[in-house]
Amino acid sequence: MKRKNLTSLELEIMNVIWRLGGSPTVRDVLQSAYPEGEKAYTTVQTVMNNLEAKGYLRKEKKGLVNFYKPIKRRRDELRRATAVLIEKLFSGSAIELASYLISSGDLSNQDISELKALIDRKTNGSNTNA
C-alpha cells in the first residue's frame, strides 16, 4: 500500500508524537501541541485517526483510552520526504539542492560554518548523525 503524503497539520501532529515518544493519547498530543487550546480535542483526534488510516500510526485501546504509536521513525519520513522534494524540484540532484540552499542567501554565516563542519566530519570518516 502506497502511503499518502502528510498534510501540514498531520505533519505538525506527527512531529509532536515523535517528540513525545512512546504511545501518547490524543490528550497528550493536544496538551503538548496546543496548550492554549488553539485546536479542539476532536480536531486532534480526527487527525490522529486519519494518520492511522494512512499507515503512520497504530492505535491500541486500553480501557476507554486510545494510545497511538508511530509506525515509522521521524528519520525515515524525513528521508522519504527529502527524496520526493529533491526529485520534484531539483531533478533528483542533491547537489542542486545544496547549491540552491547555499546561494539563496537564506543561510547565515553561522549556518554555513555548521555545514562546513558537518561536511568535514563526514569526509574525515566520522559517521555521526547530527
Protein backbone atom coordinates (compact mmCIF):
# COMPACT_ATOMS: atom_id res chain seq x y z
CA MET A 1 0.00 0.00 0.00
CA LYS A 2 1.44 3.38 -1.03
CA ARG A 3 1.28 5.84 1.83
CA LYS A 4 -0.23 9.21 1.14
CA ASN A 5 1.74 12.36 1.85
CA LEU A 6 1.12 14.19 5.09
CA THR A 7 -0.83 17.44 5.20
CA SER A 8 0.79 20.29 7.14
CA LEU A 9 -1.48 19.64 10.16
CA GLU A 10 -0.76 15.90 10.03
CA LEU A 11 2.98 16.61 9.94
CA GLU A 12 2.61 19.02 12.86
CA ILE A 13 0.84 16.30 14.88
CA MET A 14 3.38 13.62 13.86
CA ASN A 15 6.24 15.86 14.98
CA VAL A 16 4.61 16.17 18.40
CA ILE A 17 4.09 12.40 18.59
CA TRP A 18 7.72 11.72 17.62
CA ARG A 19 8.92 14.28 20.15
CA LEU A 20 6.76 12.83 22.95
CA GLY A 21 7.88 9.27 22.22
CA GLY A 22 6.13 6.16 23.41
CA SER A 23 2.41 5.86 22.74
CA PRO A 24 0.73 9.18 23.51
CA THR A 25 -3.01 9.73 23.74
CA VAL A 26 -4.97 12.41 21.92
CA ARG A 27 -5.00 14.40 25.17
CA ASP A 28 -1.18 14.11 25.48
CA VAL A 29 -0.74 15.47 21.96
CA LEU A 30 -3.35 18.19 22.47
CA GLN A 31 -1.76 19.44 25.70
CA SER A 32 1.76 19.36 24.25
CA ALA A 33 0.98 20.94 20.87
CA TYR A 34 -1.81 23.32 21.81
CA PRO A 35 -1.51 24.25 25.50
CA GLU A 36 -3.58 27.40 25.00
CA GLY A 37 -6.47 25.49 23.40
CA GLU A 38 -5.64 26.52 19.83
CA LYS A 39 -7.18 23.31 18.49
CA ALA A 40 -10.17 21.29 19.67
CA TYR A 41 -9.78 17.79 21.10
CA THR A 42 -11.97 16.42 18.30
CA THR A 43 -9.76 18.05 15.65
CA VAL A 44 -6.62 16.39 17.01
CA GLN A 45 -8.49 13.10 17.40
CA THR A 46 -9.69 13.22 13.78
CA VAL A 47 -6.18 13.98 12.51
CA MET A 48 -4.70 11.13 14.55
CA ASN A 49 -7.36 8.72 13.26
CA ASN A 50 -6.57 9.89 9.70
CA LEU A 51 -2.88 9.24 10.38
CA GLU A 52 -3.78 5.73 11.49
CA ALA A 53 -5.80 5.18 8.29
CA LYS A 54 -2.85 6.44 6.21
CA GLY A 55 -0.50 3.98 7.91
CA TYR A 56 1.52 6.43 10.02
CA LEU A 57 0.14 5.41 13.43
CA ARG A 58 -1.01 2.25 15.15
CA LYS A 59 -3.83 2.61 17.67
CA GLU A 60 -4.12 0.45 20.77
CA LYS A 61 -7.14 0.73 23.01
CA LYS A 62 -6.62 0.26 26.76
CA GLY A 63 -9.90 0.57 28.60
CA LEU A 64 -11.57 3.68 27.26
CA VAL A 65 -8.36 5.34 26.07
CA ASN A 66 -6.64 5.06 22.68
CA PHE A 67 -2.85 5.11 22.60
CA TYR A 68 -1.13 5.93 19.30
CA LYS A 69 2.30 4.63 18.36
CA PRO A 70 4.17 5.84 15.29
CA ILE A 71 4.82 3.10 12.75
CA LYS A 72 7.67 4.95 11.03
CA ARG A 73 10.52 6.81 12.63
CA ARG A 74 10.82 10.54 12.01
CA ARG A 75 14.18 9.95 10.38
CA ASP A 76 12.63 7.58 7.82
CA GLU A 77 9.87 10.07 7.00
CA LEU A 78 12.44 12.85 6.60
CA ARG A 79 14.44 10.67 4.22
CA ARG A 80 11.33 9.88 2.15
CA ALA A 81 10.08 13.47 2.04
CA THR A 82 13.53 14.81 1.18
CA ALA A 83 13.88 12.32 -1.67
CA VAL A 84 10.50 13.43 -3.04
CA LEU A 85 11.49 17.10 -2.74
CA ILE A 86 14.83 16.54 -4.47
CA GLU A 87 13.20 14.55 -7.25
CA LYS A 88 10.39 17.04 -7.86
CA LEU A 89 12.26 20.34 -7.53
CA PHE A 90 15.90 19.50 -8.29
CA SER A 91 15.65 16.75 -10.94
CA GLY A 92 16.92 14.20 -8.42
CA SER A 93 20.14 16.10 -7.70
CA ALA A 94 21.05 16.60 -4.04
CA ILE A 95 23.94 18.77 -5.25
CA GLU A 96 21.46 21.15 -6.89
CA LEU A 97 19.53 21.33 -3.61
CA ALA A 98 22.72 22.09 -1.66
CA SER A 99 23.78 24.67 -4.23
CA TYR A 100 20.39 26.34 -4.02
CA LEU A 101 20.49 26.48 -0.22
CA ILE A 102 23.98 27.96 -0.20
CA SER A 103 23.37 30.52 -2.96
CA SER A 104 19.86 31.54 -1.86
CA GLY A 105 21.11 33.95 0.75
CA ASP A 106 18.88 32.38 3.39
CA LEU A 107 21.80 30.82 5.30
CA SER A 108 23.60 32.84 7.95
CA ASN A 109 27.37 32.72 8.33
CA GLN A 110 26.77 30.53 11.37
CA ASP A 111 24.67 28.12 9.26
CA ILE A 112 27.43 27.94 6.65
CA SER A 113 30.07 27.29 9.33
CA GLU A 114 27.95 24.47 10.74
CA LEU A 115 27.50 22.99 7.26
CA LYS A 116 31.26 23.12 6.69
CA ALA A 117 31.81 21.31 10.00
CA LEU A 118 29.28 18.63 9.03
CA ILE A 119 30.99 18.12 5.68
CA ASP A 120 34.41 17.97 7.34
CA ARG A 121 33.21 15.33 9.81
CA LYS A 122 31.64 13.29 7.02
CA THR A 123 34.71 13.45 4.74
CA ASN A 124 37.09 12.68 7.60
CA GLY A 125 35.38 9.36 8.26
CA SER A 126 33.30 10.29 11.27
CA ASN A 127 29.81 8.99 10.61
CA THR A 128 27.95 10.71 13.43
CA ASN A 129 24.41 11.85 12.80
CA ALA A 130 23.84 15.45 13.76
